Amino acid sequence: GVRTMHRITKEVKEYYARIIFVNASALNTNLILLN
């Protein structure tokens, strides 16, 4: 799954899935994978 933070409220959530596509745009995809 993935861990997210709401852009405005800063609430943290987790979502789960069997497959994940990372399409955040080139440098943000690198950033997410590095983190």
PDB file of all heavy atoms in Angstrom:
ATOM      1  N   GLY A   1       0.817  -1.211   0.000  1.00  0.00           N
ATOM      2  CA  GLY A   1       0.000   0.000   0.000  1.00  0.00           C
ATOM      3  C   GLY A   1       0.847   1.256   0.000  1.00  0.00           C
ATOM      4  O   GLY A   1       2.042   1.215  -0.311  1.00  0.00           O
ATOM      5  N   VAL A   2       0.204   2.366   0.344  1.00  0.00           N
ATOM      6  CA  VAL A   2       0.900   3.652   0.389  1.00  0.00           C
ATOM      7  C   VAL A   2       0.476   4.415   1.629  1.00  0.00           C
ATOM      8  O   VAL A   2      -0.625   4.210   2.163  1.00  0.00           O
ATOM      9  CB  VAL A   2       0.616   4.502  -0.868  1.00  0.00           C
ATOM     10  CG1 VAL A   2       1.058   3.791  -2.134  1.00  0.00           C
ATOM     11  CG2 VAL A   2      -0.845   4.893  -0.957  1.00  0.00           C
ATOM     12  N   ARG A   3       1.355   5.305   2.066  1.00  0.00           N
ATOM     13  CA  ARG A   3       1.043   6.222   3.168  1.00  0.00           C
ATOM     14  C   ARG A   3       0.930   7.625   2.603  1.00  0.00           C
ATOM     15  O   ARG A   3       1.775   8.061   1.812  1.00  0.00           O
ATOM     16  CB  ARG A   3       2.113   6.172   4.243  1.00  0.00           C
ATOM     17  CG  ARG A   3       1.843   7.122   5.429  1.00  0.00           C
ATOM     18  CD  ARG A   3       2.910   7.030   6.501  1.00  0.00           C
ATOM     19  NE  ARG A   3       2.912   5.701   7.106  1.00  0.00           N
ATOM     20  CZ  ARG A   3       3.920   4.828   7.012  1.00  0.00           C
ATOM     21  NH1 ARG A   3       5.004   5.157   6.308  1.00  0.00           N
ATOM     22  NH2 ARG A   3       3.836   3.646   7.579  1.00  0.00           N
ATOM     23  N   THR A   4      -0.136   8.339   2.983  1.00  0.00           N
ATOM     24  CA  THR A   4      -0.363   9.681   2.470  1.00  0.00           C
ATOM     25  C   THR A   4      -0.557  10.675   3.610  1.00  0.00           C
ATOM     26  O   THR A   4      -0.849  10.295   4.746  1.00  0.00           O
ATOM     27  CB  THR A   4      -1.608   9.743   1.566  1.00  0.00           C
ATOM     28  OG1 THR A   4      -2.783   9.581   2.382  1.00  0.00           O
ATOM     29  CG2 THR A   4      -1.584   8.665   0.493  1.00  0.00           C
ATOM     30  N   MET A   5      -0.417  11.953   3.271  1.00  0.00           N
ATOM     31  CA  MET A   5      -0.780  13.041   4.180  1.00  0.00           C
ATOM     32  C   MET A   5      -1.656  14.021   3.407  1.00  0.00           C
ATOM     33  O   MET A   5      -1.328  14.403   2.288  1.00  0.00           O
ATOM     34  CB  MET A   5       0.455  13.765   4.712  1.00  0.00           C
ATOM     35  CG  MET A   5       0.117  14.960   5.612  1.00  0.00           C
ATOM     36  SD  MET A   5       1.578  15.832   6.241  1.00  0.00           S
ATOM     37  CE  MET A   5       2.099  14.666   7.513  1.00  0.00           C
ATOM     38  N   HIS A   6      -2.768  14.409   4.003  1.00  0.00           N
ATOM     39  CA  HIS A   6      -3.656  15.350   3.343  1.00  0.00           C
ATOM     40  C   HIS A   6      -2.948  16.690   3.179  1.00  0.00           C
ATOM     41  O   HIS A   6      -2.332  17.206   4.118  1.00  0.00           O
ATOM     42  CB  HIS A   6      -4.946  15.532   4.144  1.00  0.00           C
ATOM     43  CG  HIS A   6      -6.027  16.235   3.377  1.00  0.00           C
ATOM     44  ND1 HIS A   6      -6.097  17.607   3.287  1.00  0.00           N
ATOM     45  CD2 HIS A   6      -7.076  15.741   2.652  1.00  0.00           C
ATOM     46  CE1 HIS A   6      -7.144  17.937   2.554  1.00  0.00           C
ATOM     47  NE2 HIS A   6      -7.757  16.824   2.150  1.00  0.00           N
ATOM     48  N   ARG A   7      -3.044  17.246   2.000  1.00  0.00           N
ATOM     49  CA  ARG A   7      -2.303  18.464   1.673  1.00  0.00           C
ATOM     50  C   ARG A   7      -2.638  19.627   2.605  1.00  0.00           C
ATOM     51  O   ARG A   7      -1.756  20.429   2.948  1.00  0.00           O
ATOM     52  CB  ARG A   7      -2.622  18.882   0.227  1.00  0.00           C
ATOM     53  CG  ARG A   7      -1.918  20.152  -0.240  1.00  0.00           C
ATOM     54  CD  ARG A   7      -2.192  20.403  -1.707  1.00  0.00           C
ATOM     55  NE  ARG A   7      -3.595  20.664  -1.985  1.00  0.00           N
ATOM     56  CZ  ARG A   7      -4.148  21.891  -2.022  1.00  0.00           C
ATOM     57  NH1 ARG A   7      -3.396  22.950  -1.786  1.00  0.00           N
ATOM     58  NH2 ARG A   7      -5.430  22.047  -2.295  1.00  0.00           N
ATOM     59  N   ILE A   8      -3.885  19.720   3.035  1.00  0.00           N
ATOM     60  CA  ILE A   8      -4.320  20.860   3.841  1.00  0.00           C
ATOM     61  C   ILE A   8      -4.402  20.510   5.317  1.00  0.00           C
ATOM     62  O   ILE A   8      -3.847  21.209   6.176  1.00  0.00           O
ATOM     63  CB  ILE A   8      -5.684  21.372   3.333  1.00  0.00           C
ATOM     64  CG1 ILE A   8      -5.554  21.823   1.874  1.00  0.00           C
ATOM     65  CG2 ILE A   8      -6.192  22.521   4.206  1.00  0.00           C
ATOM     66  CD1 ILE A   8      -6.876  22.118   1.189  1.00  0.00           C
ATOM     67  N   THR A   9      -5.084  19.405   5.672  1.00  0.00           N
ATOM     68  CA  THR A   9      -5.309  19.073   7.083  1.00  0.00           C
ATOM     69  C   THR A   9      -4.128  18.361   7.719  1.00  0.00           C
ATOM     70  O   THR A   9      -4.050  18.268   8.948  1.00  0.00           O
ATOM     71  CB  THR A   9      -6.544  18.175   7.225  1.00  0.00           C
ATOM     72  OG1 THR A   9      -6.266  16.889   6.627  1.00  0.00           O
ATOM     73  CG2 THR A   9      -7.755  18.798   6.553  1.00  0.00           C
ATOM     74  N   LYS A  10      -3.236  17.808   6.903  1.00  0.00           N
ATOM     75  CA  LYS A  10      -2.062  17.036   7.343  1.00  0.00           C
ATOM     76  C   LYS A  10      -2.455  15.686   7.983  1.00  0.00           C
ATOM     77  O   LYS A  10      -1.633  15.048   8.659  1.00  0.00           O
ATOM     78  CB  LYS A  10      -1.191  17.842   8.328  1.00  0.00           C
ATOM     79  CG  LYS A  10      -0.709  19.183   7.777  1.00  0.00           C
ATOM     80  CD  LYS A  10       0.167  19.023   6.593  1.00  0.00           C
ATOM     81  CE  LYS A  10       0.770  20.280   6.008  1.00  0.00           C
ATOM     82  NZ  LYS A  10       0.620  21.538   6.566  1.00  0.00           N
ATOM     83  N   GLU A  11      -3.686  15.249   7.780  1.00  0.00           N
ATOM     84  CA  GLU A  11      -4.098  13.943   8.285  1.00  0.00           C
ATOM     85  C   GLU A  11      -3.359  12.841   7.531  1.00  0.00           C
ATOM     86  O   GLU A  11      -3.266  12.855   6.303  1.00  0.00           O
ATOM     87  CB  GLU A  11      -5.608  13.765   8.109  1.00  0.00           C
ATOM     88  CG  GLU A  11      -6.118  12.410   8.611  1.00  0.00           C
ATOM     89  CD  GLU A  11      -7.595  12.189   8.322  1.00  0.00           C
ATOM     90  OE1 GLU A  11      -8.209  13.026   7.637  1.00  0.00           O
ATOM     91  OE2 GLU A  11      -8.134  11.142   8.767  1.00  0.00           O
ATOM     92  N   VAL A  12      -2.839  11.849   8.273  1.00  0.00           N
ATOM     93  CA  VAL A  12      -2.095  10.737   7.686  1.00  0.00           C
ATOM     94  C   VAL A  12      -3.029   9.540   7.507  1.00  0.00           C
ATOM     95  O   VAL A  12      -3.815   9.209   8.396  1.00  0.00           O
ATOM     96  CB  VAL A  12      -0.905  10.346   8.576  1.00  0.00           C
ATOM     97  CG1 VAL A  12      -0.187   9.114   8.018  1.00  0.00           C
ATOM     98  CG2 VAL A  12       0.071  11.517   8.696  1.00  0.00           C
ATOM     99  N   LYS A  13      -2.934   8.909   6.338  1.00  0.00           N
ATOM    100  CA  LYS A  13      -3.741   7.720   6.065  1.00  0.00           C
ATOM    101  C   LYS A  13      -2.886   6.675   5.364  1.00  0.00           C
ATOM    102  O   LYS A  13      -1.844   6.995   4.782  1.00  0.00           O
ATOM    103  CB  LYS A  13      -4.941   8.068   5.172  1.00  0.00           C
ATOM    104  CG  LYS A  13      -6.037   8.863   5.854  1.00  0.00           C
ATOM    105  CD  LYS A  13      -7.252   9.000   4.938  1.00  0.00           C
ATOM    106  CE  LYS A  13      -8.398   9.714   5.629  1.00  0.00           C
ATOM    107  NZ  LYS A  13      -9.591   9.839   4.744  1.00  0.00           N
ATOM    108  N   GLU A  14      -3.354   5.437   5.425  1.00  0.00           N
ATOM    109  CA  GLU A  14      -2.742   4.362   4.658  1.00  0.00           C
ATOM    110  C   GLU A  14      -3.812   3.690   3.797  1.00  0.00           C
ATOM    111  O   GLU A  14      -4.956   3.512   4.236  1.00  0.00           O
ATOM    112  CB  GLU A  14      -2.087   3.328   5.584  1.00  0.00           C
ATOM    113  CG  GLU A  14      -0.847   3.871   6.285  1.00  0.00           C
ATOM    114  CD  GLU A  14      -0.170   2.838   7.168  1.00  0.00           C
ATOM    115  OE1 GLU A  14      -0.704   1.719   7.279  1.00  0.00           O
ATOM    116  OE2 GLU A  14       0.882   3.157   7.756  1.00  0.00           O
ATOM    117  N   TYR A  15      -3.423   3.367   2.576  1.00  0.00           N
ATOM    118  CA  TYR A  15      -4.305   2.673   1.637  1.00  0.00           C
ATOM    119  C   TYR A  15      -3.584   1.430   1.143  1.00  0.00           C
ATOM    120  O   TYR A  15      -2.358   1.424   1.008  1.00  0.00           O
ATOM    121  CB  TYR A  15      -4.650   3.581   0.456  1.00  0.00           C
ATOM    122  CG  TYR A  15      -5.360   4.849   0.844  1.00  0.00           C
ATOM    123  CD1 TYR A  15      -4.642   6.030   1.071  1.00  0.00           C
ATOM    124  CD2 TYR A  15      -6.746   4.895   0.996  1.00  0.00           C
ATOM    125  CE1 TYR A  15      -5.277   7.208   1.424  1.00  0.00           C
ATOM    126  CE2 TYR A  15      -7.402   6.062   1.345  1.00  0.00           C
ATOM    127  CZ  TYR A  15      -6.658   7.214   1.567  1.00  0.00           C
ATOM    128  OH  TYR A  15      -7.305   8.376   1.927  1.00  0.00           O
ATOM    129  N   TYR A  16      -4.362   0.399   0.845  1.00  0.00           N
ATOM    130  CA  TYR A  16      -3.769  -0.902   0.520  1.00  0.00           C
ATOM    131  C   TYR A  16      -4.268  -1.393  -0.840  1.00  0.00           C
ATOM    132  O   TYR A  16      -5.403  -1.120  -1.233  1.00  0.00           O
ATOM    133  CB  TYR A  16      -4.108  -1.916   1.617  1.00  0.00           C
ATOM    134  CG  TYR A  16      -3.614  -1.474   2.967  1.00  0.00           C
ATOM    135  CD1 TYR A  16      -4.424  -0.697   3.798  1.00  0.00           C
ATOM    136  CD2 TYR A  16      -2.324  -1.790   3.393  1.00  0.00           C
ATOM    137  CE1 TYR A  16      -3.962  -0.257   5.024  1.00  0.00           C
ATOM    138  CE2 TYR A  16      -1.856  -1.351   4.615  1.00  0.00           C
ATOM    139  CZ  TYR A  16      -2.677  -0.574   5.429  1.00  0.00           C
ATOM    140  OH  TYR A  16      -2.208  -0.131   6.632  1.00  0.00           O
ATOM    141  N   ALA A  17      -3.406  -2.102  -1.542  1.00  0.00           N
ATOM    142  CA  ALA A  17      -3.781  -2.636  -2.850  1.00  0.00           C
ATOM    143  C   ALA A  17      -2.846  -3.758  -3.252  1.00  0.00           C
ATOM    144  O   ALA A  17      -1.752  -3.921  -2.689  1.00  0.00           O
ATOM    145  CB  ALA A  17      -3.751  -1.534  -3.908  1.00  0.00           C
ATOM    146  N   ARG A  18      -3.280  -4.523  -4.236  1.00  0.00           N
ATOM    147  CA  ARG A  18      -2.475  -5.656  -4.714  1.00  0.00           C
ATOM    148  C   ARG A  18      -1.422  -5.222  -5.733  1.00  0.00           C
ATOM    149  O   ARG A  18      -0.361  -5.842  -5.836  1.00  0.00           O
ATOM    150  CB  ARG A  18      -3.405  -6.700  -5.328  1.00  0.00           C
ATOM    151  CG  ARG A  18      -4.373  -7.290  -4.304  1.00  0.00           C
ATOM    152  CD  ARG A  18      -5.670  -7.786  -4.943  1.00  0.00           C
ATOM    153  NE  ARG A  18      -5.478  -8.978  -5.747  1.00  0.00           N
ATOM    154  CZ  ARG A  18      -6.442  -9.528  -6.498  1.00  0.00           C
ATOM    155  NH1 ARG A  18      -7.645  -8.970  -6.537  1.00  0.00           N
ATOM    156  NH2 ARG A  18      -6.195 -10.611  -7.197  1.00  0.00           N
ATOM    157  N   ILE A  19      -1.734  -4.215  -6.525  1.00  0.00           N
ATOM    158  CA  ILE A  19      -0.729  -3.668  -7.436  1.00  0.00           C
ATOM    159  C   ILE A  19      -0.727  -2.146  -7.323  1.00  0.00           C
ATOM    160  O   ILE A  19      -1.750  -1.527  -7.015  1.00  0.00           O
ATOM    161  CB  ILE A  19      -0.967  -4.088  -8.910  1.00  0.00           C
ATOM    162  CG1 ILE A  19      -2.365  -3.716  -9.376  1.00  0.00           C
ATOM    163  CG2 ILE A  19      -0.706  -5.555  -9.103  1.00  0.00           C
ATOM    164  CD1 ILE A  19      -2.601  -4.026 -10.848  1.00  0.00           C
ATOM    165  N   ILE A  20       0.423  -1.554  -7.573  1.00  0.00           N
ATOM    166  CA  ILE A  20       0.601  -0.103  -7.430  1.00  0.00           C
ATOM    167  C   ILE A  20       1.290   0.429  -8.685  1.00  0.00           C
ATOM    168  O   ILE A  20       2.339  -0.088  -9.092  1.00  0.00           O
ATOM    169  CB  ILE A  20       1.439   0.240  -6.188  1.00  0.00           C
ATOM    170  CG1 ILE A  20       0.727  -0.252  -4.919  1.00  0.00           C
ATOM    171  CG2 ILE A  20       1.712   1.745  -6.103  1.00  0.00           C
ATOM    172  CD1 ILE A  20       1.578  -0.171  -3.666  1.00  0.00           C
ATOM    173  N   PHE A  21       0.689   1.443  -9.285  1.00  0.00           N
ATOM    174  CA  PHE A  21       1.303   2.149 -10.407  1.00  0.00           C
ATOM    175  C   PHE A  21       1.775   3.515  -9.915  1.00  0.00           C
ATOM    176  O   PHE A  21       0.983   4.278  -9.346  1.00  0.00           O
ATOM    177  CB  PHE A  21       0.313   2.298 -11.566  1.00  0.00           C
ATOM    178  CG  PHE A  21       0.330   1.145 -12.526  1.00  0.00           C
ATOM    179  CD1 PHE A  21      -0.204  -0.084 -12.147  1.00  0.00           C
ATOM    180  CD2 PHE A  21       0.905   1.271 -13.781  1.00  0.00           C
ATOM    181  CE1 PHE A  21      -0.185  -1.169 -13.019  1.00  0.00           C
ATOM    182  CE2 PHE A  21       0.935   0.188 -14.661  1.00  0.00           C
ATOM    183  CZ  PHE A  21       0.403  -1.036 -14.284  1.00  0.00           C
ATOM    184  N   VAL A  22       3.047   3.797 -10.153  1.00  0.00           N
ATOM    185  CA  VAL A  22       3.637   5.063  -9.713  1.00  0.00           C
ATOM    186  C   VAL A  22       3.754   5.956 -10.940  1.00  0.00           C
ATOM    187  O   VAL A  22       4.583   5.725 -11.823  1.00  0.00           O
ATOM    188  CB  VAL A  22       5.006   4.862  -9.052  1.00  0.00           C
ATOM    189  CG1 VAL A  22       5.441   6.153  -8.348  1.00  0.00           C
ATOM    190  CG2 VAL A  22       4.958   3.708  -8.050  1.00  0.00           C
ATOM    191  N   ASN A  23       2.921   6.988 -10.987  1.00  0.00           N
ATOM    192  CA  ASN A  23       2.830   7.899 -12.134  1.00  0.00           C
ATOM    193  C   ASN A  23       2.778   9.345 -11.642  1.00  0.00           C
ATOM    194  O   ASN A  23       1.947  10.136 -12.066  1.00  0.00           O
ATOM    195  CB  ASN A  23       1.594   7.581 -12.971  1.00  0.00           C
ATOM    196  CG  ASN A  23       1.597   6.168 -13.518  1.00  0.00           C
ATOM    197  OD1 ASN A  23       1.097   5.246 -12.872  1.00  0.00           O
ATOM    198  ND2 ASN A  23       2.170   5.974 -14.681  1.00  0.00           N
ATOM    199  N   ALA A  24       3.695   9.671 -10.755  1.00  0.00           N
ATOM    200  CA  ALA A  24       3.659  10.960 -10.077  1.00  0.00           C
ATOM    201  C   ALA A  24       4.364  12.061 -10.852  1.00  0.00           C
ATOM    202  O   ALA A  24       4.458  13.189 -10.366  1.00  0.00           O
ATOM    203  CB  ALA A  24       4.284  10.816  -8.679  1.00  0.00           C
ATOM    204  N   SER A  25       4.867  11.775 -12.033  1.00  0.00           N
ATOM    205  CA  SER A  25       5.751  12.575 -12.899  1.00  0.00           C
ATOM    206  C   SER A  25       7.187  12.219 -12.518  1.00  0.00           C
ATOM    207  O   SER A  25       7.476  11.860 -11.376  1.00  0.00           O
ATOM    208  CB  SER A  25       5.502  14.076 -12.847  1.00  0.00           C
ATOM    209  OG  SER A  25       6.114  14.682 -11.743  1.00  0.00           O
ATOM    210  N   ALA A  26       8.087  12.344 -13.479  1.00  0.00           N
ATOM    211  CA  ALA A  26       9.405  11.704 -13.383  1.00  0.00           C
ATOM    212  C   ALA A  26      10.127  11.957 -12.065  1.00  0.00           C
ATOM    213  O   ALA A  26      10.516  11.019 -11.366  1.00  0.00           O
ATOM    214  CB  ALA A  26      10.279  12.150 -14.557  1.00  0.00           C
ATOM    215  N   LEU A  27      10.316  13.212 -11.696  1.00  0.00           N
ATOM    216  CA  LEU A  27      11.124  13.478 -10.496  1.00  0.00           C
ATOM    217  C   LEU A  27      10.365  13.156  -9.225  1.00  0.00           C
ATOM    218  O   LEU A  27      10.963  12.700  -8.238  1.00  0.00           O
ATOM    219  CB  LEU A  27      11.611  14.929 -10.495  1.00  0.00           C
ATOM    220  CG  LEU A  27      12.555  15.329 -11.637  1.00  0.00           C
ATOM    221  CD1 LEU A  27      13.235  16.652 -11.328  1.00  0.00           C
ATOM    222  CD2 LEU A  27      13.595  14.249 -11.934  1.00  0.00           C
ATOM    223  N   ASN A  28       9.064  13.390  -9.196  1.00  0.00           N
ATOM    224  CA  ASN A  28       8.301  13.015  -7.998  1.00  0.00           C
ATOM    225  C   ASN A  28       8.216  11.509  -7.833  1.00  0.00           C
ATOM    226  O   ASN A  28       8.177  11.003  -6.704  1.00  0.00           O
ATOM    227  CB  ASN A  28       6.895  13.620  -8.058  1.00  0.00           C
ATOM    228  CG  ASN A  28       6.834  14.999  -7.424  1.00  0.00           C
ATOM    229  OD1 ASN A  28       7.391  15.216  -6.349  1.00  0.00           O
ATOM    230  ND2 ASN A  28       6.176  15.924  -8.085  1.00  0.00           N
ATOM    231  N   THR A  29       8.184  10.766  -8.932  1.00  0.00           N
ATOM    232  CA  THR A  29       8.238   9.313  -8.822  1.00  0.00           C
ATOM    233  C   THR A  29       9.560   8.873  -8.209  1.00  0.00           C
ATOM    234  O   THR A  29       9.601   7.997  -7.327  1.00  0.00           O
ATOM    235  CB  THR A  29       8.026   8.676 -10.204  1.00  0.00           C
ATOM    236  OG1 THR A  29       6.648   8.835 -10.571  1.00  0.00           O
ATOM    237  CG2 THR A  29       8.366   7.192 -10.212  1.00  0.00           C
ATOM    238  N   ASN A  30      10.663   9.471  -8.659  1.00  0.00           N
ATOM    239  CA  ASN A  30      11.956   9.196  -8.032  1.00  0.00           C
ATOM    240  C   ASN A  30      11.926   9.527  -6.547  1.00  0.00           C
ATOM    241  O   ASN A  30      12.411   8.761  -5.708  1.00  0.00           O
ATOM    242  CB  ASN A  30      13.054  10.009  -8.721  1.00  0.00           C
ATOM    243  CG  ASN A  30      13.586   9.352  -9.977  1.00  0.00           C
ATOM    244  OD1 ASN A  30      14.503   8.544  -9.939  1.00  0.00           O
ATOM    245  ND2 ASN A  30      12.999   9.705 -11.121  1.00  0.00           N
ATOM    246  N   LEU A  31      11.350  10.664  -6.206  1.00  0.00           N
ATOM    247  CA  LEU A  31      11.293  11.102  -4.804  1.00  0.00           C
ATOM    248  C   LEU A  31      10.532  10.094  -3.952  1.00  0.00           C
ATOM    249  O   LEU A  31      10.992   9.700  -2.866  1.00  0.00           O
ATOM    250  CB  LEU A  31      10.639  12.483  -4.739  1.00  0.00           C
ATOM    251  CG  LEU A  31      10.648  13.255  -3.409  1.00  0.00           C
ATOM    252  CD1 LEU A  31      10.437  14.747  -3.677  1.00  0.00           C
ATOM    253  CD2 LEU A  31       9.586  12.770  -2.445  1.00  0.00           C
ATOM    254  N   ILE A  32       9.361   9.667  -4.427  1.00  0.00           N
ATOM    255  CA  ILE A  32       8.543   8.729  -3.646  1.00  0.00           C
ATOM    256  C   ILE A  32       9.278   7.408  -3.444  1.00  0.00           C
ATOM    257  O   ILE A  32       9.308   6.863  -2.327  1.00  0.00           O
ATOM    258  CB  ILE A  32       7.188   8.504  -4.349  1.00  0.00           C
ATOM    259  CG1 ILE A  32       6.335   9.767  -4.251  1.00  0.00           C
ATOM    260  CG2 ILE A  32       6.452   7.311  -3.736  1.00  0.00           C
ATOM    261  CD1 ILE A  32       5.105   9.750  -5.143  1.00  0.00           C
ATOM    262  N   LEU A  33       9.891   6.882  -4.497  1.00  0.00           N
ATOM    263  CA  LEU A  33      10.606   5.608  -4.375  1.00  0.00           C
ATOM    264  C   LEU A  33      11.820   5.747  -3.462  1.00  0.00           C
ATOM    265  O   LEU A  33      12.111   4.853  -2.655  1.00  0.00           O
ATOM    266  CB  LEU A  33      11.017   5.101  -5.746  1.00  0.00           C
ATOM    267  CG  LEU A  33       9.866   4.676  -6.671  1.00  0.00           C
ATOM    268  CD1 LEU A  33      10.390   4.334  -8.061  1.00  0.00           C
ATOM    269  CD2 LEU A  33       9.102   3.497  -6.091  1.00  0.00           C
ATOM    270  N   LEU A  34      12.546   6.846  -3.564  1.00  0.00           N
ATOM    271  CA  LEU A  34      13.702   7.075  -2.685  1.00  0.00           C
ATOM    272  C   LEU A  34      13.274   7.164  -1.224  1.00  0.00           C
ATOM    273  O   LEU A  34      14.011   6.753  -0.317  1.00  0.00           O
ATOM    274  CB  LEU A  34      14.426   8.349  -3.093  1.00  0.00           C
ATOM    275  CG  LEU A  34      15.291   8.268  -4.358  1.00  0.00           C
ATOM    276  CD1 LEU A  34      15.654   9.666  -4.847  1.00  0.00           C
ATOM    277  CD2 LEU A  34      16.562   7.452  -4.096  1.00  0.00           C
ATOM    278  N   ASN A  35      12.085   7.698  -0.993  1.00  0.00           N
ATOM    279  CA  ASN A  35      11.601   7.855   0.385  1.00  0.00           C
ATOM    280  C   ASN A  35      10.869   6.626   0.898  1.00  0.00           C
ATOM    281  O   ASN A  35      10.464   6.581   2.059  1.00  0.00           O
ATOM    282  CB  ASN A  35      10.675   9.076   0.471  1.00  0.00           C
ATOM    283  CG  ASN A  35      10.506   9.590   1.882  1.00  0.00           C
ATOM    284  OD1 ASN A  35      11.489   9.748   2.615  1.00  0.00           O
ATOM    285  ND2 ASN A  35       9.281   9.860   2.280  1.00  0.00           N
TER     286      ASN A  35
END
